[in-house]
Amino acid sequence: MLRVQQLRKTFQHHEEAPAFSLTINELILERGQEMVIMGHSGAGKTTLFHLLAGIVAPDSGIITLNNTDIVALGEAQRDRFRAQHIGCIYQTFNLLAGFTALQNVLLAQHFAGRSDRNHRDRAHALLQRLGLQNKIHRYPHELSVGEQQRVAVARALANTPSLLLADEPTASVDANNAEQVINELRTLAQEHDTMLILITHDRYVAEMFPVITEFSSLTR
């Protein structure tokens, strides 16, 4: 289960802008559930993504995943916990340019302390499942945007996470590819009872889900 309570973070989009406080009273997600959060650009959706992933710490509040209070962990502990339990798909994919598609996925497993043969086989299987069987030894600059995106999906799922976070995962692709990516994400998450939170400002993407949560309804 993911449970967020009384979460608060003050941030600025840039130095000249006024400070903005993000407050989430409560957010609960059970194993296997999915949530799409929709809101306009600049509302704080990416900040919420970073908080849930343990990339940044809140000013106050609780984020509990699998009975672990992420907020109470030190930075190194949060990094390890994220590697083992949370899959992240970023807007810009964040693939390492000097690593092949396969190596990018294997690196995620390495950081989670999972680098045995079974996990290497899983990396291969995920890339094949996502239609990249002939591209596993290609570098990011040798891949199309859609292919880079699928590598990012494979990397996020490499450690069979309890929680999968996706921040505007379709921002760089057209509508047809967007639908394919969302369907793949939902299917792969459902197969492992993984909680899925997808953040978007694109109503076309949001309407692929049965329930849409408006970002403003989470905040106060």
C-alpha atoms as a PDB file:
ATOM      1  CA  MET A   1       0.000   0.000   0.000  1.00  0.00           C
ATOM      2  CA  LEU A   2       1.010   3.600  -0.632  1.00  0.00           C
ATOM      3  CA  ARG A   3      -0.197   6.093   1.968  1.00  0.00           C
ATOM      4  CA  VAL A   4       0.492   9.820   1.896  1.00  0.00           C
ATOM      5  CA  GLN A   5      -0.639  12.007   4.790  1.00  0.00           C
ATOM      6  CA  GLN A   6      -0.319  15.741   5.475  1.00  0.00           C
ATOM      7  CA  LEU A   7       2.461  16.132   2.914  1.00  0.00           C
ATOM      8  CA  ARG A   8       3.865  19.625   2.455  1.00  0.00           C
ATOM      9  CA  LYS A   9       6.651  20.976   0.252  1.00  0.00           C
ATOM     10  CA  THR A  10       7.539  24.583  -0.558  1.00  0.00           C
ATOM     11  CA  PHE A  11       9.334  25.166  -3.852  1.00  0.00           C
ATOM     12  CA  GLN A  12       9.971  27.699  -6.591  1.00  0.00           C
ATOM     13  CA  HIS A  13       9.772  27.142 -10.340  1.00  0.00           C
ATOM     14  CA  HIS A  14      12.601  29.661 -10.779  1.00  0.00           C
ATOM     15  CA  GLU A  15      14.372  32.287  -8.693  1.00  0.00           C
ATOM     16  CA  GLU A  16      12.176  35.210  -9.726  1.00  0.00           C
ATOM     17  CA  ALA A  17       8.886  33.419  -9.071  1.00  0.00           C
ATOM     18  CA  PRO A  18       7.154  33.487  -5.694  1.00  0.00           C
ATOM     19  CA  ALA A  19       7.434  30.404  -3.507  1.00  0.00           C
ATOM     20  CA  PHE A  20       4.650  27.853  -3.894  1.00  0.00           C
ATOM     21  CA  SER A  21       3.521  25.390  -1.222  1.00  0.00           C
ATOM     22  CA  LEU A  22       2.238  21.984  -2.252  1.00  0.00           C
ATOM     23  CA  THR A  23       0.081  20.250   0.341  1.00  0.00           C
ATOM     24  CA  ILE A  24      -1.458  16.790  -0.045  1.00  0.00           C
ATOM     25  CA  ASN A  25      -3.858  15.923   2.762  1.00  0.00           C
ATOM     26  CA  GLU A  26      -4.197  12.247   1.941  1.00  0.00           C
ATOM     27  CA  LEU A  27      -3.491   9.907  -0.948  1.00  0.00           C
ATOM     28  CA  ILE A  28      -3.989   6.142  -0.638  1.00  0.00           C
ATOM     29  CA  LEU A  29      -3.337   3.497  -3.271  1.00  0.00           C
ATOM     30  CA  GLU A  30      -3.726  -0.243  -2.804  1.00  0.00           C
ATOM     31  CA  ARG A  31      -1.688  -2.940  -4.497  1.00  0.00           C
ATOM     32  CA  GLY A  32      -2.623  -3.323  -8.162  1.00  0.00           C
ATOM     33  CA  GLN A  33      -4.564  -0.043  -8.304  1.00  0.00           C
ATOM     34  CA  GLU A  34      -3.870   2.671 -10.841  1.00  0.00           C
ATOM     35  CA  MET A  35      -4.318   6.444 -10.689  1.00  0.00           C
ATOM     36  CA  VAL A  36      -4.001   9.095 -13.351  1.00  0.00           C
ATOM     37  CA  ILE A  37      -3.441  12.591 -12.004  1.00  0.00           C
ATOM     38  CA  MET A  38      -4.233  15.441 -14.353  1.00  0.00           C
ATOM     39  CA  GLY A  39      -3.344  19.090 -13.936  1.00  0.00           C
ATOM     40  CA  HIS A  40      -1.987  22.060 -15.828  1.00  0.00           C
ATOM     41  CA  SER A  41       1.739  22.693 -16.310  1.00  0.00           C
ATOM     42  CA  GLY A  42       3.342  24.357 -13.292  1.00  0.00           C
ATOM     43  CA  ALA A  43       0.751  23.101 -10.810  1.00  0.00           C
ATOM     44  CA  GLY A  44       3.293  21.000  -8.906  1.00  0.00           C
ATOM     45  CA  LYS A  45       2.715  17.575 -10.490  1.00  0.00           C
ATOM     46  CA  THR A  46       6.407  16.902 -11.072  1.00  0.00           C
ATOM     47  CA  THR A  47       7.161  17.980  -7.497  1.00  0.00           C
ATOM     48  CA  LEU A  48       4.642  15.384  -6.317  1.00  0.00           C
ATOM     49  CA  PHE A  49       6.376  12.793  -8.533  1.00  0.00           C
ATOM     50  CA  HIS A  50       9.746  13.618  -6.939  1.00  0.00           C
ATOM     51  CA  LEU A  51       8.270  13.435  -3.448  1.00  0.00           C
ATOM     52  CA  LEU A  52       6.605  10.062  -4.007  1.00  0.00           C
ATOM     53  CA  ALA A  53       9.809   8.707  -5.548  1.00  0.00           C
ATOM     54  CA  GLY A  54      11.896   9.879  -2.597  1.00  0.00           C
ATOM     55  CA  ILE A  55      14.047  12.028  -4.886  1.00  0.00           C
ATOM     56  CA  VAL A  56      13.362  15.057  -2.693  1.00  0.00           C
ATOM     57  CA  ALA A  57      12.222  15.176   0.913  1.00  0.00           C
ATOM     58  CA  PRO A  58       9.074  17.039   1.986  1.00  0.00           C
ATOM     59  CA  ASP A  59       9.062  19.791   4.571  1.00  0.00           C
ATOM     60  CA  SER A  60       6.646  17.676   6.593  1.00  0.00           C
ATOM     61  CA  GLY A  61       4.283  14.735   6.283  1.00  0.00           C
ATOM     62  CA  ILE A  62       4.376  10.981   5.789  1.00  0.00           C
ATOM     63  CA  ILE A  63       4.906   8.833   2.693  1.00  0.00           C
ATOM     64  CA  THR A  64       4.594   5.142   3.493  1.00  0.00           C
ATOM     65  CA  LEU A  65       5.196   2.392   0.936  1.00  0.00           C
ATOM     66  CA  ASN A  66       5.190  -1.279   1.936  1.00  0.00           C
ATOM     67  CA  ASN A  67       5.182  -0.243   5.610  1.00  0.00           C
ATOM     68  CA  THR A  68       8.316   1.871   5.163  1.00  0.00           C
ATOM     69  CA  ASP A  69       8.188   5.589   5.909  1.00  0.00           C
ATOM     70  CA  ILE A  70      10.234   6.984   3.018  1.00  0.00           C
ATOM     71  CA  VAL A  71      10.465  10.421   4.653  1.00  0.00           C
ATOM     72  CA  ALA A  72      12.251   8.949   7.679  1.00  0.00           C
ATOM     73  CA  LEU A  73      15.017   7.434   5.532  1.00  0.00           C
ATOM     74  CA  GLY A  74      18.342   9.130   4.899  1.00  0.00           C
ATOM     75  CA  GLU A  75      19.201  10.151   1.343  1.00  0.00           C
ATOM     76  CA  ALA A  76      21.302   7.045   0.593  1.00  0.00           C
ATOM     77  CA  GLN A  77      18.592   4.814   2.115  1.00  0.00           C
ATOM     78  CA  ARG A  78      15.926   6.516  -0.012  1.00  0.00           C
ATOM     79  CA  ASP A  79      18.008   5.951  -3.146  1.00  0.00           C
ATOM     80  CA  ARG A  80      18.353   2.238  -2.349  1.00  0.00           C
ATOM     81  CA  PHE A  81      14.676   1.905  -1.444  1.00  0.00           C
ATOM     82  CA  ARG A  82      13.645   3.617  -4.686  1.00  0.00           C
ATOM     83  CA  ALA A  83      15.891   1.328  -6.705  1.00  0.00           C
ATOM     84  CA  GLN A  84      14.322  -1.744  -5.134  1.00  0.00           C
ATOM     85  CA  HIS A  85      10.654  -0.772  -4.839  1.00  0.00           C
ATOM     86  CA  ILE A  86       9.804   2.174  -7.131  1.00  0.00           C
ATOM     87  CA  GLY A  87       9.978   2.368 -10.909  1.00  0.00           C
ATOM     88  CA  CYS A  88      10.301   5.865 -12.375  1.00  0.00           C
ATOM     89  CA  ILE A  89       9.599   7.005 -15.924  1.00  0.00           C
ATOM     90  CA  TYR A  90      10.725  10.592 -16.428  1.00  0.00           C
ATOM     91  CA  GLN A  91       9.604  13.106 -19.041  1.00  0.00           C
ATOM     92  CA  THR A  92      13.053  13.155 -20.643  1.00  0.00           C
ATOM     93  CA  PHE A  93      13.654   9.387 -20.149  1.00  0.00           C
ATOM     94  CA  ASN A  94      17.074  10.041 -18.469  1.00  0.00           C
ATOM     95  CA  LEU A  95      18.834   7.261 -20.370  1.00  0.00           C
ATOM     96  CA  LEU A  96      22.616   7.252 -20.022  1.00  0.00           C
ATOM     97  CA  ALA A  97      24.130   8.116 -23.391  1.00  0.00           C
ATOM     98  CA  GLY A  98      27.207   5.920 -22.983  1.00  0.00           C
ATOM     99  CA  PHE A  99      25.204   2.781 -22.238  1.00  0.00           C
ATOM    100  CA  THR A 100      23.250   0.529 -24.584  1.00  0.00           C
ATOM    101  CA  ALA A 101      19.543  -0.155 -24.148  1.00  0.00           C
ATOM    102  CA  LEU A 102      20.326  -3.378 -22.316  1.00  0.00           C
ATOM    103  CA  GLN A 103      22.971  -1.750 -20.129  1.00  0.00           C
ATOM    104  CA  ASN A 104      20.561   1.020 -19.119  1.00  0.00           C
ATOM    105  CA  VAL A 105      18.129  -1.627 -17.868  1.00  0.00           C
ATOM    106  CA  LEU A 106      20.849  -3.696 -16.203  1.00  0.00           C
ATOM    107  CA  LEU A 107      22.132  -0.609 -14.411  1.00  0.00           C
ATOM    108  CA  ALA A 108      18.774  -0.181 -12.695  1.00  0.00           C
ATOM    109  CA  GLN A 109      19.055  -3.770 -11.472  1.00  0.00           C
ATOM    110  CA  HIS A 110      22.617  -3.189 -10.312  1.00  0.00           C
ATOM    111  CA  PHE A 111      21.566  -0.232  -8.146  1.00  0.00           C
ATOM    112  CA  ALA A 112      18.910  -2.442  -6.561  1.00  0.00           C
ATOM    113  CA  GLY A 113      21.491  -5.136  -5.797  1.00  0.00           C
ATOM    114  CA  ARG A 114      19.935  -7.493  -8.322  1.00  0.00           C
ATOM    115  CA  SER A 115      22.480  -8.467 -10.940  1.00  0.00           C
ATOM    116  CA  ASP A 116      22.224 -12.257 -11.138  1.00  0.00           C
ATOM    117  CA  ARG A 117      21.399 -14.262 -14.257  1.00  0.00           C
ATOM    118  CA  ASN A 118      17.658 -14.297 -13.547  1.00  0.00           C
ATOM    119  CA  HIS A 119      17.510 -10.509 -13.518  1.00  0.00           C
ATOM    120  CA  ARG A 120      19.631 -10.261 -16.659  1.00  0.00           C
ATOM    121  CA  ASP A 121      17.150 -12.621 -18.324  1.00  0.00           C
ATOM    122  CA  ARG A 122      14.309 -10.373 -17.141  1.00  0.00           C
ATOM    123  CA  ALA A 123      16.002  -7.348 -18.714  1.00  0.00           C
ATOM    124  CA  HIS A 124      16.250  -9.190 -22.024  1.00  0.00           C
ATOM    125  CA  ALA A 125      12.628 -10.357 -21.758  1.00  0.00           C
ATOM    126  CA  LEU A 126      11.288  -6.872 -21.030  1.00  0.00           C
ATOM    127  CA  LEU A 127      13.112  -5.316 -23.979  1.00  0.00           C
ATOM    128  CA  GLN A 128      11.871  -8.113 -26.226  1.00  0.00           C
ATOM    129  CA  ARG A 129       8.327  -7.724 -24.897  1.00  0.00           C
ATOM    130  CA  LEU A 130       8.490  -4.035 -25.799  1.00  0.00           C
ATOM    131  CA  GLY A 131       9.592  -4.771 -29.343  1.00  0.00           C
ATOM    132  CA  LEU A 132      13.271  -3.941 -28.906  1.00  0.00           C
ATOM    133  CA  GLN A 133      14.792  -7.380 -29.400  1.00  0.00           C
ATOM    134  CA  ASN A 134      16.890  -6.079 -32.299  1.00  0.00           C
ATOM    135  CA  LYS A 135      17.900  -2.880 -30.519  1.00  0.00           C
ATOM    136  CA  ILE A 136      19.250  -4.101 -27.178  1.00  0.00           C
ATOM    137  CA  HIS A 137      22.850  -3.226 -28.081  1.00  0.00           C
ATOM    138  CA  ARG A 138      22.013   0.179 -29.561  1.00  0.00           C
ATOM    139  CA  TYR A 139      22.882   3.415 -27.782  1.00  0.00           C
ATOM    140  CA  PRO A 140      20.180   6.010 -27.043  1.00  0.00           C
ATOM    141  CA  HIS A 141      21.261   8.268 -29.916  1.00  0.00           C
ATOM    142  CA  GLU A 142      20.759   5.323 -32.268  1.00  0.00           C
ATOM    143  CA  LEU A 143      17.150   4.865 -31.163  1.00  0.00           C
ATOM    144  CA  SER A 144      14.014   6.762 -32.116  1.00  0.00           C
ATOM    145  CA  VAL A 145      12.191   8.752 -29.435  1.00  0.00           C
ATOM    146  CA  GLY A 146       9.573   6.014 -29.173  1.00  0.00           C
ATOM    147  CA  GLU A 147      12.278   3.353 -28.768  1.00  0.00           C
ATOM    148  CA  GLN A 148      14.045   5.396 -26.095  1.00  0.00           C
ATOM    149  CA  GLN A 149      10.737   5.661 -24.298  1.00  0.00           C
ATOM    150  CA  ARG A 150      10.273   1.879 -24.331  1.00  0.00           C
ATOM    151  CA  VAL A 151      13.784   1.419 -22.914  1.00  0.00           C
ATOM    152  CA  ALA A 152      12.780   3.790 -20.106  1.00  0.00           C
ATOM    153  CA  VAL A 153       9.671   1.673 -19.479  1.00  0.00           C
ATOM    154  CA  ALA A 154      11.759  -1.517 -19.356  1.00  0.00           C
ATOM    155  CA  ARG A 155      14.206   0.107 -16.944  1.00  0.00           C
ATOM    156  CA  ALA A 156      11.378   1.239 -14.657  1.00  0.00           C
ATOM    157  CA  LEU A 157       9.935  -2.282 -14.550  1.00  0.00           C
ATOM    158  CA  ALA A 158      13.253  -4.130 -14.313  1.00  0.00           C
ATOM    159  CA  ASN A 159      13.034  -4.751 -10.563  1.00  0.00           C
ATOM    160  CA  THR A 160       9.307  -5.603 -10.473  1.00  0.00           C
ATOM    161  CA  PRO A 161       8.529  -2.497  -8.399  1.00  0.00           C
ATOM    162  CA  SER A 162       5.644  -2.154  -5.993  1.00  0.00           C
ATOM    163  CA  LEU A 163       4.981   1.361  -7.301  1.00  0.00           C
ATOM    164  CA  LEU A 164       5.396   2.638 -10.854  1.00  0.00           C
ATOM    165  CA  LEU A 165       5.513   6.422 -11.317  1.00  0.00           C
ATOM    166  CA  ALA A 166       5.238   7.967 -14.784  1.00  0.00           C
ATOM    167  CA  ASP A 167       5.650  11.719 -15.298  1.00  0.00           C
ATOM    168  CA  GLU A 168       4.213  12.844 -18.651  1.00  0.00           C
ATOM    169  CA  PRO A 169       5.485   9.614 -20.281  1.00  0.00           C
ATOM    170  CA  THR A 170       3.872  10.399 -23.644  1.00  0.00           C
ATOM    171  CA  ALA A 171       4.989  14.016 -23.970  1.00  0.00           C
ATOM    172  CA  SER A 172       7.506  13.235 -26.741  1.00  0.00           C
ATOM    173  CA  VAL A 173       5.429  10.930 -28.942  1.00  0.00           C
ATOM    174  CA  ASP A 174       2.395  11.190 -31.209  1.00  0.00           C
ATOM    175  CA  ALA A 175      -1.114  10.066 -30.292  1.00  0.00           C
ATOM    176  CA  ASN A 176      -0.796   6.557 -31.769  1.00  0.00           C
ATOM    177  CA  ASN A 177       2.429   5.847 -29.911  1.00  0.00           C
ATOM    178  CA  ALA A 178       0.998   7.450 -26.776  1.00  0.00           C
ATOM    179  CA  GLU A 179      -1.883   4.988 -26.731  1.00  0.00           C
ATOM    180  CA  GLN A 180       0.492   2.066 -27.251  1.00  0.00           C
ATOM    181  CA  VAL A 181       2.759   3.196 -24.418  1.00  0.00           C
ATOM    182  CA  ILE A 182      -0.139   3.648 -21.994  1.00  0.00           C
ATOM    183  CA  ASN A 183      -1.584   0.246 -22.862  1.00  0.00           C
ATOM    184  CA  GLU A 184       1.817  -1.388 -22.353  1.00  0.00           C
ATOM    185  CA  LEU A 185       2.311   0.356 -19.018  1.00  0.00           C
ATOM    186  CA  ARG A 186      -1.092  -0.649 -17.700  1.00  0.00           C
ATOM    187  CA  THR A 187      -0.765  -4.251 -18.875  1.00  0.00           C
ATOM    188  CA  LEU A 188       2.705  -4.757 -17.433  1.00  0.00           C
ATOM    189  CA  ALA A 189       1.699  -3.135 -14.139  1.00  0.00           C
ATOM    190  CA  GLN A 190      -1.422  -5.271 -13.852  1.00  0.00           C
ATOM    191  CA  GLU A 191       0.534  -8.472 -14.475  1.00  0.00           C
ATOM    192  CA  HIS A 192       2.543  -7.896 -11.287  1.00  0.00           C
ATOM    193  CA  ASP A 193      -0.082  -6.119  -9.141  1.00  0.00           C
ATOM    194  CA  THR A 194       2.051  -2.996  -9.369  1.00  0.00           C
ATOM    195  CA  MET A 195       0.518   0.301  -8.260  1.00  0.00           C
ATOM    196  CA  LEU A 196       0.604   2.789 -11.122  1.00  0.00           C
ATOM    197  CA  ILE A 197       0.489   6.581 -10.805  1.00  0.00           C
ATOM    198  CA  LEU A 198       0.612   8.431 -14.105  1.00  0.00           C
ATOM    199  CA  ILE A 199       0.875  12.224 -14.105  1.00  0.00           C
ATOM    200  CA  THR A 200      -0.184  14.166 -17.187  1.00  0.00           C
ATOM    201  CA  HIS A 201      -1.655  17.410 -18.469  1.00  0.00           C
ATOM    202  CA  ASP A 202      -2.915  15.659 -21.628  1.00  0.00           C
ATOM    203  CA  ARG A 203      -6.646  14.910 -21.435  1.00  0.00           C
ATOM    204  CA  TYR A 204      -6.374  12.440 -24.328  1.00  0.00           C
ATOM    205  CA  VAL A 205      -3.959  10.366 -22.233  1.00  0.00           C
ATOM    206  CA  ALA A 206      -5.988  10.796 -19.040  1.00  0.00           C
ATOM    207  CA  GLU A 207      -9.162   9.544 -20.698  1.00  0.00           C
ATOM    208  CA  MET A 208      -7.516   6.168 -21.380  1.00  0.00           C
ATOM    209  CA  PHE A 209      -8.088   5.506 -17.672  1.00  0.00           C
ATOM    210  CA  PRO A 210     -11.511   4.812 -16.123  1.00  0.00           C
ATOM    211  CA  VAL A 211     -11.011   7.391 -13.363  1.00  0.00           C
ATOM    212  CA  ILE A 212      -9.276  10.775 -13.602  1.00  0.00           C
ATOM    213  CA  THR A 213      -8.054  12.510 -10.447  1.00  0.00           C
ATOM    214  CA  GLU A 214      -7.721  16.256 -10.866  1.00  0.00           C
ATOM    215  CA  PHE A 215      -4.515  17.484  -9.249  1.00  0.00           C
ATOM    216  CA  SER A 216      -6.388  20.339  -7.565  1.00  0.00           C
ATOM    217  CA  SER A 217      -8.536  17.806  -5.681  1.00  0.00           C
ATOM    218  CA  LEU A 218      -5.427  16.382  -3.989  1.00  0.00           C
ATOM    219  CA  THR A 219      -4.134  19.726  -2.812  1.00  0.00           C
ATOM    220  CA  ARG A 220      -5.459  22.485  -0.624  1.00  0.00           C
END
